[in-house]
Amino acid sequence: MNTEVIDVEDVSPRIKRIRLAGQALVGLDFEPGSKVKLRLNGSMRSYTPATWDPAAGWVDLLFFLHGSGPGNDWAEVATKGTDVQVFGPKSSLPPCHRPVSWAMFVGDETTLGPALALLNALPPECTKLGAIELDRVDTTCVARLGLPLTPVIRTSERGEALLEWLDDLQLPDGDGVVWISGHHGSVGRLEQALAARGLPASSVHTKSYWNRPKDRLR
C-alpha cells in the first residue's frame, strides 16, 4: 500500500508519533494488536498501529528512537509528504474477545503502540492497569498518550523495574487478561512471575519484540 506521512509529533525526546495516510487505507479496519510492515531505507520493519481511522484513511505508528537501524533512521528524518510503503496487516498480539473485568499491559517503550490499540479496544467498564518501563527522559510519554499505565524508570537490568512493580501489585478480583511484550528476557521473567501467582496461562498473551546481545529493535 502506498501511503505518505501527514503528521509528525514528538511525544517525548525519543518517542515519535507518525501518521500515515493514503487511499489504500480507506476502509481498512485494523484488528487491535495486529502489525504492519514498512519498507524503510530498503529494509522491512514491523510496527503495531496505535490508532487508526478507516473512514479517513490514516493510521498512527509510534517509533522509539533508539539510536540506530532502518526504522530509527527513517523516523528521525520523516516529514510531511514522505512516501512509505505499508504491507499487511497481520495478526500479532491477540485482542481480548471475551468479557473481562480487568486487563493489564506490561512492556517497554517499543510496545506503546500495541498498548494503546489493545487497551483502547476494551469497554470503559473494564479496569485497565499495567506498567511501561522507560528511561527517565521518556516517562512523560505515557500520560501524553493517554495510557492508563504506570511509567517505571529502568534500572541497570532490563525488566527489573517491571518485576518490582508487579511484586507490589495486588491483582484485581475477577476474570482478567494480561499482555506482556518488549524485551525477550523481560517477557519471559514477567510471564513466570504471573504464573507463580496462579494466573492461568490462557489469560496471558506474550510477544517478544527484540533481544540481546545484538540489541535488535524493530
N, C-alpha and C. Protein backbone atom coordinates (compact mmCIF):
# COMPACT_ATOMS: atom_id res chain seq x y z
N MET A 1 0.84 -1.19 0.00
CA MET A 1 0.00 0.00 0.00
C MET A 1 0.88 1.25 0.00
N ASN A 2 0.59 2.16 -0.87
CA ASN A 2 1.32 3.42 -0.91
C ASN A 2 0.68 4.42 0.05
N THR A 3 1.47 4.96 0.95
CA THR A 3 0.99 5.97 1.89
C THR A 3 2.01 7.10 1.96
N GLU A 4 1.62 8.17 2.65
CA GLU A 4 2.57 9.25 2.90
C GLU A 4 2.38 9.78 4.30
N VAL A 5 3.41 10.37 4.83
CA VAL A 5 3.36 10.98 6.16
C VAL A 5 2.55 12.27 6.08
N ILE A 6 1.55 12.39 6.96
CA ILE A 6 0.78 13.63 7.00
C ILE A 6 0.94 14.38 8.32
N ASP A 7 1.59 13.74 9.31
CA ASP A 7 1.82 14.44 10.59
C ASP A 7 2.93 13.74 11.35
N VAL A 8 3.76 14.53 12.04
CA VAL A 8 4.83 14.01 12.88
C VAL A 8 4.77 14.75 14.22
N GLU A 9 4.74 14.00 15.31
CA GLU A 9 4.67 14.60 16.64
C GLU A 9 5.73 14.00 17.55
N ASP A 10 6.49 14.85 18.23
CA ASP A 10 7.43 14.40 19.25
C ASP A 10 6.66 14.20 20.56
N VAL A 11 6.40 12.96 20.92
CA VAL A 11 5.64 12.67 22.14
C VAL A 11 6.53 12.81 23.37
N SER A 12 7.80 12.48 23.22
CA SER A 12 8.82 12.66 24.25
C SER A 12 10.14 12.74 23.50
N PRO A 13 11.26 12.98 24.18
CA PRO A 13 12.52 13.14 23.45
C PRO A 13 12.87 12.00 22.50
N ARG A 14 12.44 10.77 22.81
CA ARG A 14 12.81 9.65 21.95
C ARG A 14 11.61 8.84 21.44
N ILE A 15 10.42 9.38 21.60
CA ILE A 15 9.21 8.72 21.09
C ILE A 15 8.54 9.65 20.09
N LYS A 16 8.30 9.15 18.87
CA LYS A 16 7.62 9.92 17.83
C LYS A 16 6.34 9.22 17.42
N ARG A 17 5.30 10.04 17.22
CA ARG A 17 4.07 9.53 16.63
C ARG A 17 4.01 10.03 15.20
N ILE A 18 3.93 9.11 14.25
CA ILE A 18 3.91 9.46 12.83
C ILE A 18 2.61 8.94 12.22
N ARG A 19 1.88 9.83 11.59
CA ARG A 19 0.60 9.48 10.97
C ARG A 19 0.79 9.28 9.47
N LEU A 20 0.38 8.10 8.99
CA LEU A 20 0.43 7.78 7.58
C LEU A 20 -0.99 7.79 7.02
N ALA A 21 -1.14 8.25 5.79
CA ALA A 21 -2.46 8.31 5.16
C ALA A 21 -2.33 7.92 3.70
N GLY A 22 -3.43 7.43 3.16
CA GLY A 22 -3.44 7.06 1.75
C GLY A 22 -4.77 6.44 1.38
N GLN A 23 -5.11 6.47 0.10
CA GLN A 23 -6.37 5.92 -0.36
C GLN A 23 -6.48 4.44 -0.05
N ALA A 24 -5.33 3.74 -0.04
CA ALA A 24 -5.34 2.30 0.24
C ALA A 24 -5.76 1.99 1.67
N LEU A 25 -5.67 2.96 2.57
CA LEU A 25 -6.05 2.75 3.96
C LEU A 25 -7.53 3.02 4.22
N VAL A 26 -8.21 3.61 3.26
CA VAL A 26 -9.64 3.90 3.42
C VAL A 26 -10.42 2.59 3.46
N GLY A 27 -11.19 2.41 4.52
CA GLY A 27 -11.97 1.20 4.69
C GLY A 27 -11.21 0.04 5.30
N LEU A 28 -9.92 0.21 5.55
CA LEU A 28 -9.10 -0.86 6.13
C LEU A 28 -9.12 -0.73 7.65
N ASP A 29 -9.90 -1.57 8.31
CA ASP A 29 -10.04 -1.50 9.76
C ASP A 29 -9.12 -2.53 10.40
N PHE A 30 -8.14 -2.07 11.15
CA PHE A 30 -7.15 -2.95 11.77
C PHE A 30 -7.74 -3.64 13.00
N GLU A 31 -7.39 -4.92 13.18
CA GLU A 31 -7.72 -5.57 14.43
C GLU A 31 -6.72 -5.11 15.48
N PRO A 32 -7.18 -4.71 16.67
CA PRO A 32 -6.24 -4.26 17.71
C PRO A 32 -5.15 -5.30 17.97
N GLY A 33 -3.90 -4.85 18.00
CA GLY A 33 -2.77 -5.74 18.23
C GLY A 33 -2.16 -6.30 16.97
N SER A 34 -2.79 -6.06 15.81
CA SER A 34 -2.21 -6.53 14.55
C SER A 34 -1.02 -5.66 14.17
N LYS A 35 -0.16 -6.17 13.29
CA LYS A 35 1.03 -5.43 12.90
C LYS A 35 1.03 -5.18 11.40
N VAL A 36 1.79 -4.18 11.00
CA VAL A 36 2.04 -3.93 9.58
C VAL A 36 3.54 -3.90 9.38
N LYS A 37 3.96 -4.05 8.12
CA LYS A 37 5.38 -3.93 7.79
C LYS A 37 5.57 -2.69 6.93
N LEU A 38 6.64 -1.97 7.21
CA LEU A 38 7.00 -0.79 6.43
C LEU A 38 8.33 -1.05 5.73
N ARG A 39 8.41 -0.60 4.48
CA ARG A 39 9.69 -0.65 3.78
C ARG A 39 10.41 0.67 4.08
N LEU A 40 11.48 0.58 4.87
CA LEU A 40 12.18 1.77 5.33
C LEU A 40 13.66 1.66 4.96
N ASN A 41 14.11 2.58 4.14
CA ASN A 41 15.52 2.60 3.74
C ASN A 41 15.97 1.24 3.20
N GLY A 42 15.08 0.59 2.44
CA GLY A 42 15.42 -0.68 1.82
C GLY A 42 15.22 -1.90 2.69
N SER A 43 14.81 -1.71 3.95
CA SER A 43 14.58 -2.83 4.86
C SER A 43 13.13 -2.87 5.30
N MET A 44 12.68 -4.06 5.71
CA MET A 44 11.32 -4.23 6.20
C MET A 44 11.33 -4.23 7.72
N ARG A 45 10.45 -3.43 8.31
CA ARG A 45 10.33 -3.37 9.76
C ARG A 45 8.86 -3.44 10.15
N SER A 46 8.56 -4.14 11.26
CA SER A 46 7.19 -4.33 11.72
C SER A 46 6.83 -3.34 12.82
N TYR A 47 5.61 -2.82 12.75
CA TYR A 47 5.10 -1.90 13.76
C TYR A 47 3.62 -2.20 14.00
N THR A 48 3.17 -1.96 15.21
CA THR A 48 1.77 -2.17 15.56
C THR A 48 1.05 -0.84 15.56
N PRO A 49 0.03 -0.67 14.71
CA PRO A 49 -0.72 0.59 14.71
C PRO A 49 -1.28 0.90 16.10
N ALA A 50 -1.13 2.15 16.51
CA ALA A 50 -1.64 2.58 17.82
C ALA A 50 -3.09 3.02 17.72
N THR A 51 -3.40 3.85 16.74
CA THR A 51 -4.76 4.30 16.48
C THR A 51 -4.94 4.42 14.97
N TRP A 52 -6.19 4.42 14.52
CA TRP A 52 -6.46 4.49 13.08
C TRP A 52 -7.87 4.96 12.84
N ASP A 53 -8.11 5.41 11.63
CA ASP A 53 -9.43 5.87 11.22
C ASP A 53 -9.68 5.34 9.81
N PRO A 54 -10.42 4.23 9.68
CA PRO A 54 -10.63 3.65 8.35
C PRO A 54 -11.46 4.54 7.43
N ALA A 55 -12.32 5.38 8.00
CA ALA A 55 -13.13 6.27 7.16
C ALA A 55 -12.26 7.35 6.52
N ALA A 56 -11.34 7.91 7.31
CA ALA A 56 -10.46 8.96 6.81
C ALA A 56 -9.22 8.40 6.12
N GLY A 57 -8.90 7.14 6.37
CA GLY A 57 -7.75 6.52 5.72
C GLY A 57 -6.41 6.91 6.30
N TRP A 58 -6.29 6.91 7.65
CA TRP A 58 -4.99 7.18 8.25
C TRP A 58 -4.72 6.20 9.39
N VAL A 59 -3.44 6.06 9.75
CA VAL A 59 -3.01 5.20 10.84
C VAL A 59 -1.84 5.87 11.56
N ASP A 60 -1.82 5.78 12.89
CA ASP A 60 -0.73 6.32 13.70
C ASP A 60 0.20 5.21 14.14
N LEU A 61 1.51 5.42 13.97
CA LEU A 61 2.53 4.49 14.44
C LEU A 61 3.44 5.23 15.41
N LEU A 62 3.92 4.51 16.43
CA LEU A 62 4.82 5.09 17.42
C LEU A 62 6.22 4.50 17.23
N PHE A 63 7.20 5.39 17.19
CA PHE A 63 8.59 4.99 16.95
C PHE A 63 9.45 5.35 18.16
N PHE A 64 10.24 4.37 18.61
CA PHE A 64 11.23 4.61 19.66
C PHE A 64 12.57 4.86 18.99
N LEU A 65 13.11 6.05 19.19
CA LEU A 65 14.38 6.42 18.56
C LEU A 65 15.53 5.93 19.45
N HIS A 66 15.99 4.73 19.15
CA HIS A 66 16.99 4.07 19.99
C HIS A 66 18.41 4.28 19.50
N GLY A 67 18.58 5.00 18.39
CA GLY A 67 19.92 5.40 18.00
C GLY A 67 20.48 4.81 16.74
N SER A 68 19.92 3.69 16.25
CA SER A 68 20.45 3.11 15.02
C SER A 68 19.41 2.18 14.42
N GLY A 69 19.61 1.82 13.16
CA GLY A 69 18.72 0.90 12.48
C GLY A 69 17.83 1.59 11.47
N PRO A 70 17.30 0.84 10.51
CA PRO A 70 16.49 1.43 9.44
C PRO A 70 15.26 2.18 9.94
N GLY A 71 14.54 1.60 10.92
CA GLY A 71 13.36 2.26 11.44
C GLY A 71 13.69 3.54 12.17
N ASN A 72 14.72 3.48 13.01
CA ASN A 72 15.17 4.65 13.74
C ASN A 72 15.61 5.76 12.79
N ASP A 73 16.42 5.41 11.81
CA ASP A 73 16.97 6.42 10.88
C ASP A 73 15.85 7.07 10.05
N TRP A 74 14.87 6.26 9.64
CA TRP A 74 13.76 6.81 8.85
C TRP A 74 12.90 7.75 9.70
N ALA A 75 12.56 7.32 10.91
CA ALA A 75 11.67 8.12 11.76
C ALA A 75 12.32 9.43 12.18
N GLU A 76 13.63 9.44 12.34
CA GLU A 76 14.32 10.67 12.77
C GLU A 76 14.17 11.79 11.75
N VAL A 77 14.06 11.46 10.47
CA VAL A 77 14.05 12.49 9.43
C VAL A 77 12.72 12.56 8.68
N ALA A 78 11.75 11.70 9.02
CA ALA A 78 10.47 11.69 8.32
C ALA A 78 9.75 13.03 8.49
N THR A 79 9.23 13.56 7.40
CA THR A 79 8.49 14.81 7.42
C THR A 79 7.21 14.65 6.60
N LYS A 80 6.32 15.63 6.70
CA LYS A 80 5.09 15.59 5.93
C LYS A 80 5.42 15.45 4.44
N GLY A 81 4.71 14.54 3.79
CA GLY A 81 4.93 14.29 2.37
C GLY A 81 5.87 13.15 2.07
N THR A 82 6.55 12.60 3.10
CA THR A 82 7.44 11.46 2.90
C THR A 82 6.62 10.23 2.50
N ASP A 83 6.99 9.58 1.41
CA ASP A 83 6.28 8.38 0.95
C ASP A 83 6.80 7.15 1.69
N VAL A 84 5.90 6.20 1.94
CA VAL A 84 6.31 4.94 2.57
C VAL A 84 5.33 3.85 2.16
N GLN A 85 5.86 2.67 1.87
CA GLN A 85 5.04 1.52 1.53
C GLN A 85 4.69 0.74 2.78
N VAL A 86 3.42 0.34 2.88
CA VAL A 86 2.91 -0.40 4.03
C VAL A 86 2.37 -1.74 3.55
N PHE A 87 2.70 -2.82 4.29
CA PHE A 87 2.23 -4.15 3.94
C PHE A 87 1.49 -4.74 5.14
N GLY A 88 0.41 -5.46 4.88
CA GLY A 88 -0.36 -6.06 5.96
C GLY A 88 -1.78 -5.54 5.98
N PRO A 89 -2.45 -5.66 7.09
CA PRO A 89 -1.97 -6.08 8.41
C PRO A 89 -1.90 -7.60 8.57
N LYS A 90 -1.22 -7.99 9.68
CA LYS A 90 -1.07 -9.39 10.01
C LYS A 90 -1.22 -9.55 11.52
N SER A 91 -1.80 -10.66 11.94
CA SER A 91 -2.04 -10.90 13.36
C SER A 91 -0.73 -10.92 14.15
N SER A 92 -0.76 -10.35 15.35
CA SER A 92 0.42 -10.34 16.22
C SER A 92 -0.04 -10.62 17.65
N LEU A 93 -0.17 -9.59 18.48
CA LEU A 93 -0.74 -9.79 19.82
C LEU A 93 -2.26 -9.89 19.69
N PRO A 94 -2.89 -10.94 20.20
CA PRO A 94 -4.33 -11.09 20.01
C PRO A 94 -5.13 -10.15 20.91
N PRO A 95 -6.20 -9.56 20.40
CA PRO A 95 -7.08 -8.75 21.26
C PRO A 95 -7.91 -9.66 22.16
N CYS A 96 -8.59 -9.07 23.10
CA CYS A 96 -9.45 -9.82 24.02
C CYS A 96 -10.86 -9.86 23.45
N HIS A 97 -11.35 -11.07 23.16
CA HIS A 97 -12.67 -11.22 22.57
C HIS A 97 -13.74 -11.62 23.58
N ARG A 98 -13.34 -11.88 24.82
CA ARG A 98 -14.32 -12.28 25.83
C ARG A 98 -14.51 -11.17 26.86
N PRO A 99 -15.64 -11.13 27.54
CA PRO A 99 -15.83 -10.13 28.59
C PRO A 99 -14.87 -10.38 29.76
N VAL A 100 -14.15 -9.36 30.18
CA VAL A 100 -13.27 -9.45 31.33
C VAL A 100 -13.51 -8.24 32.23
N SER A 101 -13.24 -8.41 33.51
CA SER A 101 -13.44 -7.29 34.44
C SER A 101 -12.20 -6.41 34.54
N TRP A 102 -11.04 -6.97 34.17
CA TRP A 102 -9.82 -6.16 34.20
C TRP A 102 -8.84 -6.62 33.12
N ALA A 103 -7.94 -5.71 32.74
CA ALA A 103 -6.93 -6.00 31.72
C ALA A 103 -5.63 -5.31 32.09
N MET A 104 -4.53 -6.01 31.88
CA MET A 104 -3.21 -5.48 32.22
C MET A 104 -2.29 -5.53 31.01
N PHE A 105 -1.52 -4.47 30.83
CA PHE A 105 -0.48 -4.45 29.79
C PHE A 105 0.84 -4.12 30.45
N VAL A 106 1.87 -4.93 30.18
CA VAL A 106 3.21 -4.70 30.74
C VAL A 106 4.21 -4.78 29.60
N GLY A 107 5.03 -3.73 29.45
CA GLY A 107 6.00 -3.73 28.37
C GLY A 107 7.01 -2.61 28.51
N ASP A 108 7.73 -2.33 27.41
CA ASP A 108 8.70 -1.24 27.42
C ASP A 108 8.35 -0.24 26.32
N GLU A 109 9.26 0.68 26.02
CA GLU A 109 8.95 1.76 25.09
C GLU A 109 8.72 1.30 23.65
N THR A 110 9.14 0.07 23.33
CA THR A 110 8.88 -0.45 21.99
C THR A 110 7.44 -0.93 21.83
N THR A 111 6.67 -0.95 22.91
CA THR A 111 5.34 -1.55 22.87
C THR A 111 4.23 -0.54 23.16
N LEU A 112 4.49 0.74 23.03
CA LEU A 112 3.47 1.74 23.27
C LEU A 112 2.33 1.63 22.27
N GLY A 113 2.64 1.28 21.02
CA GLY A 113 1.61 1.14 20.00
C GLY A 113 0.60 0.06 20.34
N PRO A 114 1.05 -1.19 20.58
CA PRO A 114 0.09 -2.22 20.95
C PRO A 114 -0.65 -1.93 22.25
N ALA A 115 0.01 -1.28 23.20
CA ALA A 115 -0.66 -0.93 24.45
C ALA A 115 -1.87 -0.05 24.18
N LEU A 116 -1.69 0.98 23.37
CA LEU A 116 -2.79 1.86 23.02
C LEU A 116 -3.89 1.11 22.28
N ALA A 117 -3.51 0.33 21.30
CA ALA A 117 -4.50 -0.36 20.48
C ALA A 117 -5.33 -1.35 21.29
N LEU A 118 -4.67 -2.17 22.09
CA LEU A 118 -5.37 -3.22 22.82
C LEU A 118 -6.22 -2.67 23.96
N LEU A 119 -5.69 -1.70 24.70
CA LEU A 119 -6.45 -1.17 25.84
C LEU A 119 -7.60 -0.28 25.38
N ASN A 120 -7.41 0.48 24.32
CA ASN A 120 -8.48 1.33 23.82
C ASN A 120 -9.65 0.53 23.25
N ALA A 121 -9.40 -0.71 22.87
CA ALA A 121 -10.46 -1.55 22.30
C ALA A 121 -11.38 -2.14 23.37
N LEU A 122 -10.99 -2.04 24.63
CA LEU A 122 -11.78 -2.61 25.72
C LEU A 122 -12.92 -1.67 26.12
N PRO A 123 -14.01 -2.20 26.63
CA PRO A 123 -15.13 -1.34 27.07
C PRO A 123 -14.72 -0.49 28.26
N PRO A 124 -15.36 0.67 28.44
CA PRO A 124 -14.97 1.59 29.52
C PRO A 124 -15.13 1.00 30.91
N GLU A 125 -16.03 0.05 31.09
CA GLU A 125 -16.23 -0.52 32.42
C GLU A 125 -15.13 -1.49 32.83
N CYS A 126 -14.27 -1.87 31.89
CA CYS A 126 -13.15 -2.76 32.20
C CYS A 126 -12.04 -1.97 32.90
N THR A 127 -11.56 -2.47 34.03
CA THR A 127 -10.45 -1.83 34.74
C THR A 127 -9.15 -2.08 33.98
N LYS A 128 -8.44 -1.00 33.66
CA LYS A 128 -7.20 -1.11 32.89
C LYS A 128 -6.02 -0.69 33.76
N LEU A 129 -4.98 -1.48 33.75
CA LEU A 129 -3.79 -1.18 34.55
C LEU A 129 -2.58 -1.79 33.87
N GLY A 130 -1.41 -1.47 34.43
CA GLY A 130 -0.18 -2.00 33.88
C GLY A 130 0.97 -1.04 34.04
N ALA A 131 2.09 -1.34 33.40
CA ALA A 131 3.29 -0.52 33.54
C ALA A 131 4.10 -0.57 32.25
N ILE A 132 4.80 0.54 32.00
CA ILE A 132 5.71 0.65 30.87
C ILE A 132 7.08 1.03 31.43
N GLU A 133 8.11 0.25 31.08
CA GLU A 133 9.47 0.55 31.54
C GLU A 133 10.17 1.43 30.50
N LEU A 134 10.68 2.57 30.97
CA LEU A 134 11.37 3.52 30.10
C LEU A 134 12.56 4.13 30.83
N ASP A 135 13.43 4.76 30.06
CA ASP A 135 14.43 5.62 30.66
C ASP A 135 13.74 6.89 31.14
N ARG A 136 14.31 7.55 32.12
CA ARG A 136 13.66 8.69 32.77
C ARG A 136 13.25 9.77 31.77
N VAL A 137 14.05 9.98 30.73
CA VAL A 137 13.79 11.06 29.79
C VAL A 137 12.46 10.90 29.05
N ASP A 138 11.95 9.68 28.96
CA ASP A 138 10.74 9.43 28.18
C ASP A 138 9.49 9.12 29.01
N THR A 139 9.57 9.20 30.32
CA THR A 139 8.44 8.77 31.16
C THR A 139 7.18 9.60 30.92
N THR A 140 7.32 10.84 30.49
CA THR A 140 6.13 11.69 30.30
C THR A 140 5.27 11.25 29.13
N CYS A 141 5.80 10.39 28.25
CA CYS A 141 5.03 9.98 27.07
C CYS A 141 3.82 9.15 27.45
N VAL A 142 3.86 8.46 28.58
CA VAL A 142 2.75 7.60 28.98
C VAL A 142 1.48 8.43 29.20
N ALA A 143 1.61 9.51 29.98
CA ALA A 143 0.46 10.38 30.22
C ALA A 143 0.06 11.13 28.96
N ARG A 144 1.03 11.55 28.19
CA ARG A 144 0.72 12.31 26.98
C ARG A 144 -0.06 11.47 25.97
N LEU A 145 0.19 10.18 25.94
CA LEU A 145 -0.54 9.29 25.04
C LEU A 145 -1.89 8.87 25.61
N GLY A 146 -2.16 9.24 26.85
CA GLY A 146 -3.42 8.88 27.47
C GLY A 146 -3.51 7.43 27.90
N LEU A 147 -2.36 6.81 28.16
CA LEU A 147 -2.34 5.41 28.57
C LEU A 147 -2.60 5.28 30.07
N PRO A 148 -3.50 4.37 30.46
CA PRO A 148 -3.78 4.17 31.89
C PRO A 148 -2.75 3.26 32.54
N LEU A 149 -1.47 3.56 32.31
CA LEU A 149 -0.38 2.72 32.78
C LEU A 149 0.58 3.52 33.63
N THR A 150 1.34 2.80 34.45
CA THR A 150 2.34 3.43 35.32
C THR A 150 3.69 3.44 34.64
N PRO A 151 4.32 4.61 34.46
CA PRO A 151 5.69 4.62 33.93
C PRO A 151 6.67 4.24 35.03
N VAL A 152 7.53 3.26 34.76
CA VAL A 152 8.54 2.88 35.74
C VAL A 152 9.91 3.11 35.11
N ILE A 153 10.81 3.64 35.89
CA ILE A 153 12.12 4.02 35.38
C ILE A 153 13.06 2.82 35.37
N ARG A 154 13.69 2.60 34.23
CA ARG A 154 14.57 1.45 34.02
C ARG A 154 15.78 1.53 34.95
N THR A 155 16.14 0.37 35.51
CA THR A 155 17.36 0.25 36.29
C THR A 155 18.45 -0.33 35.40
N SER A 156 19.52 -0.83 36.00
CA SER A 156 20.64 -1.33 35.20
C SER A 156 20.26 -2.58 34.41
N GLU A 157 19.31 -3.36 34.90
CA GLU A 157 18.92 -4.60 34.23
C GLU A 157 17.52 -4.45 33.65
N ARG A 158 17.38 -4.73 32.37
CA ARG A 158 16.08 -4.57 31.71
C ARG A 158 15.06 -5.52 32.33
N GLY A 159 13.87 -4.98 32.59
CA GLY A 159 12.78 -5.75 33.15
C GLY A 159 12.72 -5.75 34.65
N GLU A 160 13.81 -5.36 35.32
CA GLU A 160 13.85 -5.42 36.78
C GLU A 160 12.81 -4.47 37.41
N ALA A 161 12.68 -3.27 36.85
CA ALA A 161 11.70 -2.32 37.38
C ALA A 161 10.28 -2.82 37.21
N LEU A 162 10.02 -3.52 36.10
CA LEU A 162 8.68 -4.08 35.89
C LEU A 162 8.39 -5.20 36.88
N LEU A 163 9.38 -6.04 37.16
CA LEU A 163 9.19 -7.11 38.14
C LEU A 163 8.93 -6.55 39.53
N GLU A 164 9.62 -5.48 39.90
CA GLU A 164 9.39 -4.84 41.20
C GLU A 164 7.99 -4.25 41.26
N TRP A 165 7.56 -3.62 40.17
CA TRP A 165 6.20 -3.08 40.12
C TRP A 165 5.17 -4.20 40.28
N LEU A 166 5.40 -5.31 39.60
CA LEU A 166 4.47 -6.43 39.67
C LEU A 166 4.44 -7.05 41.07
N ASP A 167 5.59 -7.12 41.72
CA ASP A 167 5.66 -7.68 43.08
C ASP A 167 4.80 -6.86 44.04
N ASP A 168 4.73 -5.56 43.82
CA ASP A 168 3.97 -4.68 44.71
C ASP A 168 2.48 -4.62 44.36
N LEU A 169 2.10 -5.24 43.27
CA LEU A 169 0.73 -5.13 42.78
C LEU A 169 -0.16 -6.23 43.34
N GLN A 170 -1.34 -5.84 43.79
CA GLN A 170 -2.37 -6.81 44.12
C GLN A 170 -3.27 -6.98 42.90
N LEU A 171 -3.30 -8.17 42.36
CA LEU A 171 -4.10 -8.41 41.18
C LEU A 171 -5.58 -8.19 41.48
N PRO A 172 -6.30 -7.56 40.57
CA PRO A 172 -7.73 -7.32 40.79
C PRO A 172 -8.50 -8.64 40.87
N ASP A 173 -9.68 -8.57 41.48
CA ASP A 173 -10.55 -9.73 41.53
C ASP A 173 -11.23 -9.92 40.17
N GLY A 174 -11.73 -11.11 39.95
CA GLY A 174 -12.47 -11.37 38.73
C GLY A 174 -11.60 -11.88 37.61
N ASP A 175 -12.24 -12.12 36.47
CA ASP A 175 -11.55 -12.64 35.30
C ASP A 175 -10.79 -11.51 34.60
N GLY A 176 -9.55 -11.77 34.24
CA GLY A 176 -8.74 -10.73 33.61
C GLY A 176 -7.91 -11.27 32.46
N VAL A 177 -7.27 -10.34 31.75
CA VAL A 177 -6.39 -10.70 30.66
C VAL A 177 -5.11 -9.87 30.78
N VAL A 178 -3.98 -10.46 30.41
CA VAL A 178 -2.68 -9.78 30.52
C VAL A 178 -1.94 -9.90 29.20
N TRP A 179 -1.38 -8.77 28.76
CA TRP A 179 -0.47 -8.77 27.62
C TRP A 179 0.91 -8.35 28.12
N ILE A 180 1.95 -9.10 27.71
CA ILE A 180 3.33 -8.78 28.05
C ILE A 180 4.12 -8.73 26.75
N SER A 181 4.86 -7.65 26.53
CA SER A 181 5.66 -7.57 25.30
C SER A 181 6.87 -6.69 25.53
N GLY A 182 7.80 -6.76 24.54
CA GLY A 182 9.02 -5.96 24.64
C GLY A 182 10.26 -6.82 24.57
N HIS A 183 11.20 -6.53 25.46
CA HIS A 183 12.48 -7.23 25.50
C HIS A 183 12.27 -8.71 25.84
N HIS A 184 12.91 -9.60 25.07
CA HIS A 184 12.66 -11.04 25.17
C HIS A 184 12.88 -11.56 26.60
N GLY A 185 14.00 -11.23 27.20
CA GLY A 185 14.29 -11.73 28.54
C GLY A 185 13.29 -11.23 29.56
N SER A 186 12.88 -9.98 29.44
CA SER A 186 11.90 -9.41 30.38
C SER A 186 10.56 -10.10 30.25
N VAL A 187 10.15 -10.37 29.01
CA VAL A 187 8.86 -11.03 28.78
C VAL A 187 8.82 -12.38 29.49
N GLY A 188 9.88 -13.17 29.34
CA GLY A 188 9.92 -14.49 29.97
C GLY A 188 9.85 -14.42 31.48
N ARG A 189 10.58 -13.49 32.08
CA ARG A 189 10.60 -13.38 33.53
C ARG A 189 9.26 -12.90 34.07
N LEU A 190 8.62 -11.98 33.37
CA LEU A 190 7.32 -11.49 33.81
C LEU A 190 6.26 -12.57 33.68
N GLU A 191 6.33 -13.35 32.62
CA GLU A 191 5.38 -14.44 32.44
C GLU A 191 5.52 -15.46 33.57
N GLN A 192 6.75 -15.78 33.95
CA GLN A 192 6.99 -16.71 35.05
C GLN A 192 6.46 -16.16 36.37
N ALA A 193 6.64 -14.85 36.58
CA ALA A 193 6.18 -14.23 37.82
C ALA A 193 4.66 -14.30 37.95
N LEU A 194 3.95 -14.10 36.83
CA LEU A 194 2.50 -14.17 36.87
C LEU A 194 2.02 -15.61 37.06
N ALA A 195 2.71 -16.56 36.45
CA ALA A 195 2.36 -17.96 36.62
C ALA A 195 2.52 -18.38 38.08
N ALA A 196 3.57 -17.86 38.73
CA ALA A 196 3.82 -18.19 40.13
C ALA A 196 2.71 -17.65 41.04
N ARG A 197 2.00 -16.64 40.57
CA ARG A 197 0.90 -16.08 41.36
C ARG A 197 -0.43 -16.71 41.01
N GLY A 198 -0.40 -17.74 40.19
CA GLY A 198 -1.59 -18.51 39.92
C GLY A 198 -2.45 -18.03 38.76
N LEU A 199 -1.94 -17.10 37.97
CA LEU A 199 -2.72 -16.63 36.83
C LEU A 199 -2.71 -17.68 35.73
N PRO A 200 -3.87 -18.07 35.20
CA PRO A 200 -3.90 -19.11 34.17
C PRO A 200 -3.13 -18.69 32.92
N ALA A 201 -2.44 -19.64 32.32
CA ALA A 201 -1.66 -19.35 31.11
C ALA A 201 -2.56 -18.87 29.98
N SER A 202 -3.81 -19.32 29.96
CA SER A 202 -4.74 -18.92 28.90
C SER A 202 -5.12 -17.44 28.97
N SER A 203 -4.84 -16.81 30.12
CA SER A 203 -5.17 -15.39 30.29
C SER A 203 -4.00 -14.47 29.99
N VAL A 204 -2.83 -15.04 29.65
CA VAL A 204 -1.61 -14.26 29.44
C VAL A 204 -1.15 -14.41 27.99
N HIS A 205 -0.99 -13.29 27.32
CA HIS A 205 -0.51 -13.28 25.93
C HIS A 205 0.83 -12.55 25.88
N THR A 206 1.81 -13.13 25.21
CA THR A 206 3.16 -12.55 25.19
C THR A 206 3.65 -12.36 23.76
N LYS A 207 4.55 -11.38 23.62
CA LYS A 207 5.20 -11.12 22.33
C LYS A 207 6.54 -10.47 22.57
N SER A 208 7.62 -11.12 22.14
CA SER A 208 8.96 -10.55 22.25
C SER A 208 9.26 -9.75 20.98
N TYR A 209 9.69 -8.50 21.15
CA TYR A 209 10.00 -7.65 20.01
C TYR A 209 11.49 -7.56 19.71
N TRP A 210 12.33 -7.75 20.73
CA TRP A 210 13.76 -7.62 20.49
C TRP A 210 14.51 -8.33 21.61
N ASN A 211 15.83 -8.49 21.39
CA ASN A 211 16.61 -9.28 22.33
C ASN A 211 18.07 -8.86 22.29
N ARG A 212 18.78 -9.09 23.34
CA ARG A 212 20.22 -9.01 23.36
C ARG A 212 20.77 -10.35 22.88
N PRO A 213 22.07 -10.49 22.48
CA PRO A 213 23.11 -9.49 22.63
C PRO A 213 23.18 -8.46 21.52
N LYS A 214 22.42 -8.66 20.44
CA LYS A 214 22.51 -7.74 19.33
C LYS A 214 21.71 -6.45 19.56
N ASP A 215 20.87 -6.46 20.62
CA ASP A 215 20.02 -5.30 20.89
C ASP A 215 19.22 -4.92 19.65
N ARG A 216 18.71 -5.91 18.99
CA ARG A 216 17.98 -5.64 17.77
C ARG A 216 16.57 -5.14 18.08
N LEU A 217 16.28 -3.95 17.68
CA LEU A 217 14.96 -3.38 17.86
C LEU A 217 14.25 -3.36 16.52
N ARG A 218 12.92 -3.23 16.58
CA ARG A 218 12.14 -3.23 15.36
C ARG A 218 12.54 -2.10 14.44
